[in-house]
Amino acid sequence: METKFSKFNVADYLTDEKIIAAYLMAATESSCPELLDLAIKNIERARAAVTYKTID
């Protein structure tokens, strides 16, 4: 039997401000500026998805 995996999208799990704040705080604790940049982009995508869903 073949195992199938779906693509993981962190933006799907950034559902409220408390979770977003914790995610951003964890990214700022890293010494990797690319990680912070990626976290900000993921938050932007999550907020865009929420805005899109609420418009419909």
PDB file of N, CA and C in Angstrom:
ATOM      1  N   MET A   1       0.844  -1.175   0.000  1.00  0.00           N
ATOM      2  CA  MET A   1       0.000   0.000   0.000  1.00  0.00           C
ATOM      3  C   MET A   1       0.895   1.247   0.000  1.00  0.00           C
ATOM      4  N   GLU A   2       0.575   2.156  -0.859  1.00  0.00           N
ATOM      5  CA  GLU A   2       1.361   3.380  -0.977  1.00  0.00           C
ATOM      6  C   GLU A   2       0.818   4.447  -0.016  1.00  0.00           C
ATOM      7  N   THR A   3       1.721   5.099   0.705  1.00  0.00           N
ATOM      8  CA  THR A   3       1.329   6.182   1.599  1.00  0.00           C
ATOM      9  C   THR A   3       1.342   7.485   0.834  1.00  0.00           C
ATOM     10  N   LYS A   4       0.268   8.252   0.952  1.00  0.00           N
ATOM     11  CA  LYS A   4       0.185   9.542   0.271  1.00  0.00           C
ATOM     12  C   LYS A   4       0.233  10.649   1.310  1.00  0.00           C
ATOM     13  N   PHE A   5       0.947  11.688   0.982  1.00  0.00           N
ATOM     14  CA  PHE A   5       1.085  12.839   1.861  1.00  0.00           C
ATOM     15  C   PHE A   5       0.551  14.082   1.159  1.00  0.00           C
ATOM     16  N   SER A   6      -0.043  14.956   1.922  1.00  0.00           N
ATOM     17  CA  SER A   6      -0.453  16.236   1.349  1.00  0.00           C
ATOM     18  C   SER A   6       0.604  17.291   1.686  1.00  0.00           C
ATOM     19  N   LYS A   7       0.641  18.335   0.912  1.00  0.00           N
ATOM     20  CA  LYS A   7       1.619  19.393   1.111  1.00  0.00           C
ATOM     21  C   LYS A   7       1.267  20.182   2.382  1.00  0.00           C
ATOM     22  N   PHE A   8       2.259  20.387   3.228  1.00  0.00           N
ATOM     23  CA  PHE A   8       2.065  21.138   4.472  1.00  0.00           C
ATOM     24  C   PHE A   8       2.146  22.633   4.177  1.00  0.00           C
ATOM     25  N   ASN A   9       1.184  23.382   4.674  1.00  0.00           N
ATOM     26  CA  ASN A   9       1.160  24.827   4.517  1.00  0.00           C
ATOM     27  C   ASN A   9       0.948  25.448   5.892  1.00  0.00           C
ATOM     28  N   VAL A  10       2.001  26.024   6.454  1.00  0.00           N
ATOM     29  CA  VAL A  10       1.918  26.574   7.811  1.00  0.00           C
ATOM     30  C   VAL A  10       0.858  27.668   7.907  1.00  0.00           C
ATOM     31  N   ALA A  11       0.608  28.373   6.820  1.00  0.00           N
ATOM     32  CA  ALA A  11      -0.392  29.444   6.841  1.00  0.00           C
ATOM     33  C   ALA A  11      -1.778  28.911   7.207  1.00  0.00           C
ATOM     34  N   ASP A  12      -2.038  27.641   6.920  1.00  0.00           N
ATOM     35  CA  ASP A  12      -3.325  27.043   7.278  1.00  0.00           C
ATOM     36  C   ASP A  12      -3.520  26.943   8.787  1.00  0.00           C
ATOM     37  N   TYR A  13      -2.434  26.990   9.541  1.00  0.00           N
ATOM     38  CA  TYR A  13      -2.507  26.822  10.996  1.00  0.00           C
ATOM     39  C   TYR A  13      -2.363  28.141  11.759  1.00  0.00           C
ATOM     40  N   LEU A  14      -2.097  29.217  11.054  1.00  0.00           N
ATOM     41  CA  LEU A  14      -1.988  30.534  11.692  1.00  0.00           C
ATOM     42  C   LEU A  14      -3.375  31.158  11.688  1.00  0.00           C
ATOM     43  N   THR A  15      -4.211  30.697  12.596  1.00  0.00           N
ATOM     44  CA  THR A  15      -5.639  31.000  12.544  1.00  0.00           C
ATOM     45  C   THR A  15      -6.099  32.134  13.443  1.00  0.00           C
ATOM     46  N   ASP A  16      -5.302  32.525  14.423  1.00  0.00           N
ATOM     47  CA  ASP A  16      -5.706  33.652  15.267  1.00  0.00           C
ATOM     48  C   ASP A  16      -4.470  34.421  15.736  1.00  0.00           C
ATOM     49  N   GLU A  17      -4.712  35.574  16.302  1.00  0.00           N
ATOM     50  CA  GLU A  17      -3.617  36.479  16.667  1.00  0.00           C
ATOM     51  C   GLU A  17      -2.669  35.888  17.710  1.00  0.00           C
ATOM     52  N   LYS A  18      -3.200  35.091  18.624  1.00  0.00           N
ATOM     53  CA  LYS A  18      -2.351  34.485  19.656  1.00  0.00           C
ATOM     54  C   LYS A  18      -1.366  33.486  19.037  1.00  0.00           C
ATOM     55  N   ILE A  19      -1.843  32.678  18.119  1.00  0.00           N
ATOM     56  CA  ILE A  19      -0.971  31.713  17.443  1.00  0.00           C
ATOM     57  C   ILE A  19       0.047  32.447  16.572  1.00  0.00           C
ATOM     58  N   ILE A  20      -0.397  33.476  15.865  1.00  0.00           N
ATOM     59  CA  ILE A  20       0.504  34.253  15.021  1.00  0.00           C
ATOM     60  C   ILE A  20       1.592  34.913  15.862  1.00  0.00           C
ATOM     61  N   ALA A  21       1.217  35.461  17.008  1.00  0.00           N
ATOM     62  CA  ALA A  21       2.202  36.112  17.885  1.00  0.00           C
ATOM     63  C   ALA A  21       3.243  35.104  18.380  1.00  0.00           C
ATOM     64  N   ALA A  22       2.807  33.920  18.767  1.00  0.00           N
ATOM     65  CA  ALA A  22       3.745  32.895  19.233  1.00  0.00           C
ATOM     66  C   ALA A  22       4.672  32.447  18.108  1.00  0.00           C
ATOM     67  N   TYR A  23       4.136  32.298  16.924  1.00  0.00           N
ATOM     68  CA  TYR A  23       4.930  31.905  15.757  1.00  0.00           C
ATOM     69  C   TYR A  23       5.974  32.976  15.439  1.00  0.00           C
ATOM     70  N   LEU A  24       5.561  34.227  15.460  1.00  0.00           N
ATOM     71  CA  LEU A  24       6.486  35.325  15.172  1.00  0.00           C
ATOM     72  C   LEU A  24       7.543  35.447  16.267  1.00  0.00           C
ATOM     73  N   MET A  25       7.162  35.262  17.505  1.00  0.00           N
ATOM     74  CA  MET A  25       8.115  35.320  18.619  1.00  0.00           C
ATOM     75  C   MET A  25       9.172  34.222  18.478  1.00  0.00           C
ATOM     76  N   ALA A  26       8.744  33.030  18.112  1.00  0.00           N
ATOM     77  CA  ALA A  26       9.701  31.935  17.918  1.00  0.00           C
ATOM     78  C   ALA A  26      10.668  32.259  16.778  1.00  0.00           C
ATOM     79  N   ALA A  27      10.167  32.880  15.730  1.00  0.00           N
ATOM     80  CA  ALA A  27      11.031  33.242  14.601  1.00  0.00           C
ATOM     81  C   ALA A  27      12.027  34.332  14.993  1.00  0.00           C
ATOM     82  N   THR A  28      11.625  35.265  15.847  1.00  0.00           N
ATOM     83  CA  THR A  28      12.537  36.335  16.253  1.00  0.00           C
ATOM     84  C   THR A  28      13.621  35.831  17.197  1.00  0.00           C
ATOM     85  N   GLU A  29      13.362  34.721  17.874  1.00  0.00           N
ATOM     86  CA  GLU A  29      14.364  34.158  18.778  1.00  0.00           C
ATOM     87  C   GLU A  29      15.500  33.453  18.027  1.00  0.00           C
ATOM     88  N   SER A  30      15.296  33.201  16.756  1.00  0.00           N
ATOM     89  CA  SER A  30      16.328  32.569  15.939  1.00  0.00           C
ATOM     90  C   SER A  30      17.350  33.612  15.505  1.00  0.00           C
ATOM     91  N   SER A  31      18.567  33.171  15.285  1.00  0.00           N
ATOM     92  CA  SER A  31      19.597  34.087  14.789  1.00  0.00           C
ATOM     93  C   SER A  31      19.637  34.097  13.268  1.00  0.00           C
ATOM     94  N   CYS A  32      18.672  33.462  12.648  1.00  0.00           N
ATOM     95  CA  CYS A  32      18.627  33.343  11.185  1.00  0.00           C
ATOM     96  C   CYS A  32      17.640  34.366  10.612  1.00  0.00           C
ATOM     97  N   PRO A  33      18.131  35.405   9.938  1.00  0.00           N
ATOM     98  CA  PRO A  33      17.222  36.415   9.386  1.00  0.00           C
ATOM     99  C   PRO A  33      16.296  35.853   8.304  1.00  0.00           C
ATOM    100  N   GLU A  34      16.719  34.808   7.607  1.00  0.00           N
ATOM    101  CA  GLU A  34      15.867  34.201   6.591  1.00  0.00           C
ATOM    102  C   GLU A  34      14.629  33.557   7.211  1.00  0.00           C
ATOM    103  N   LEU A  35      14.784  33.023   8.413  1.00  0.00           N
ATOM    104  CA  LEU A  35      13.652  32.408   9.104  1.00  0.00           C
ATOM    105  C   LEU A  35      12.607  33.461   9.468  1.00  0.00           C
ATOM    106  N   LEU A  36      13.063  34.608   9.938  1.00  0.00           N
ATOM    107  CA  LEU A  36      12.135  35.696  10.267  1.00  0.00           C
ATOM    108  C   LEU A  36      11.425  36.179   9.006  1.00  0.00           C
ATOM    109  N   ASP A  37      12.153  36.316   7.920  1.00  0.00           N
ATOM    110  CA  ASP A  37      11.557  36.741   6.662  1.00  0.00           C
ATOM    111  C   ASP A  37      10.494  35.748   6.201  1.00  0.00           C
ATOM    112  N   LEU A  38      10.799  34.462   6.301  1.00  0.00           N
ATOM    113  CA  LEU A  38       9.842  33.428   5.916  1.00  0.00           C
ATOM    114  C   LEU A  38       8.601  33.458   6.817  1.00  0.00           C
ATOM    115  N   ALA A  39       8.805  33.668   8.103  1.00  0.00           N
ATOM    116  CA  ALA A  39       7.678  33.734   9.037  1.00  0.00           C
ATOM    117  C   ALA A  39       6.749  34.894   8.691  1.00  0.00           C
ATOM    118  N   ILE A  40       7.323  36.036   8.370  1.00  0.00           N
ATOM    119  CA  ILE A  40       6.515  37.202   8.008  1.00  0.00           C
ATOM    120  C   ILE A  40       5.722  36.914   6.731  1.00  0.00           C
ATOM    121  N   LYS A  41       6.343  36.279   5.750  1.00  0.00           N
ATOM    122  CA  LYS A  41       5.643  35.929   4.517  1.00  0.00           C
ATOM    123  C   LYS A  41       4.512  34.936   4.781  1.00  0.00           C
ATOM    124  N   ASN A  42       4.754  33.970   5.664  1.00  0.00           N
ATOM    125  CA  ASN A  42       3.705  33.007   6.012  1.00  0.00           C
ATOM    126  C   ASN A  42       2.529  33.691   6.702  1.00  0.00           C
ATOM    127  N   ILE A  43       2.814  34.641   7.570  1.00  0.00           N
ATOM    128  CA  ILE A  43       1.753  35.389   8.249  1.00  0.00           C
ATOM    129  C   ILE A  43       0.955  36.204   7.237  1.00  0.00           C
ATOM    130  N   GLU A  44       1.638  36.826   6.303  1.00  0.00           N
ATOM    131  CA  GLU A  44       0.944  37.588   5.253  1.00  0.00           C
ATOM    132  C   GLU A  44       0.017  36.683   4.448  1.00  0.00           C
ATOM    133  N   ARG A  45       0.488  35.487   4.089  1.00  0.00           N
ATOM    134  CA  ARG A  45      -0.356  34.547   3.346  1.00  0.00           C
ATOM    135  C   ARG A  45      -1.552  34.106   4.166  1.00  0.00           C
ATOM    136  N   ALA A  46      -1.338  33.853   5.452  1.00  0.00           N
ATOM    137  CA  ALA A  46      -2.436  33.422   6.323  1.00  0.00           C
ATOM    138  C   ALA A  46      -3.486  34.513   6.442  1.00  0.00           C
ATOM    139  N   ARG A  47      -3.052  35.744   6.607  1.00  0.00           N
ATOM    140  CA  ARG A  47      -4.013  36.850   6.718  1.00  0.00           C
ATOM    141  C   ARG A  47      -4.728  37.100   5.401  1.00  0.00           C
ATOM    142  N   ALA A  48      -4.049  36.941   4.290  1.00  0.00           N
ATOM    143  CA  ALA A  48      -4.696  37.098   2.986  1.00  0.00           C
ATOM    144  C   ALA A  48      -5.756  36.022   2.791  1.00  0.00           C
ATOM    145  N   ALA A  49      -5.481  34.801   3.229  1.00  0.00           N
ATOM    146  CA  ALA A  49      -6.444  33.710   3.104  1.00  0.00           C
ATOM    147  C   ALA A  49      -7.677  33.980   3.960  1.00  0.00           C
ATOM    148  N   VAL A  50      -7.480  34.502   5.155  1.00  0.00           N
ATOM    149  CA  VAL A  50      -8.609  34.820   6.032  1.00  0.00           C
ATOM    150  C   VAL A  50      -9.442  35.933   5.417  1.00  0.00           C
ATOM    151  N   THR A  51      -8.789  36.949   4.887  1.00  0.00           N
ATOM    152  CA  THR A  51      -9.507  38.057   4.243  1.00  0.00           C
ATOM    153  C   THR A  51     -10.308  37.548   3.054  1.00  0.00           C
ATOM    154  N   TYR A  52      -9.699  36.683   2.255  1.00  0.00           N
ATOM    155  CA  TYR A  52     -10.373  36.129   1.081  1.00  0.00           C
ATOM    156  C   TYR A  52     -11.588  35.317   1.506  1.00  0.00           C
ATOM    157  N   LYS A  53     -11.456  34.510   2.559  1.00  0.00           N
ATOM    158  CA  LYS A  53     -12.563  33.658   3.010  1.00  0.00           C
ATOM    159  C   LYS A  53     -13.708  34.497   3.572  1.00  0.00           C
ATOM    160  N   THR A  54     -13.410  35.614   4.214  1.00  0.00           N
ATOM    161  CA  THR A  54     -14.471  36.413   4.819  1.00  0.00           C
ATOM    162  C   THR A  54     -15.180  37.290   3.798  1.00  0.00           C
ATOM    163  N   ILE A  55     -14.566  37.546   2.655  1.00  0.00           N
ATOM    164  CA  ILE A  55     -15.205  38.364   1.621  1.00  0.00           C
ATOM    165  C   ILE A  55     -16.312  37.598   0.946  1.00  0.00           C
ATOM    166  N   ASP A  56     -16.112  36.301   0.727  1.00  0.00           N
ATOM    167  CA  ASP A  56     -17.117  35.493   0.021  1.00  0.00           C
ATOM    168  C   ASP A  56     -18.405  35.376   0.772  1.00  0.00           C
TER     169      ASP A  56
END
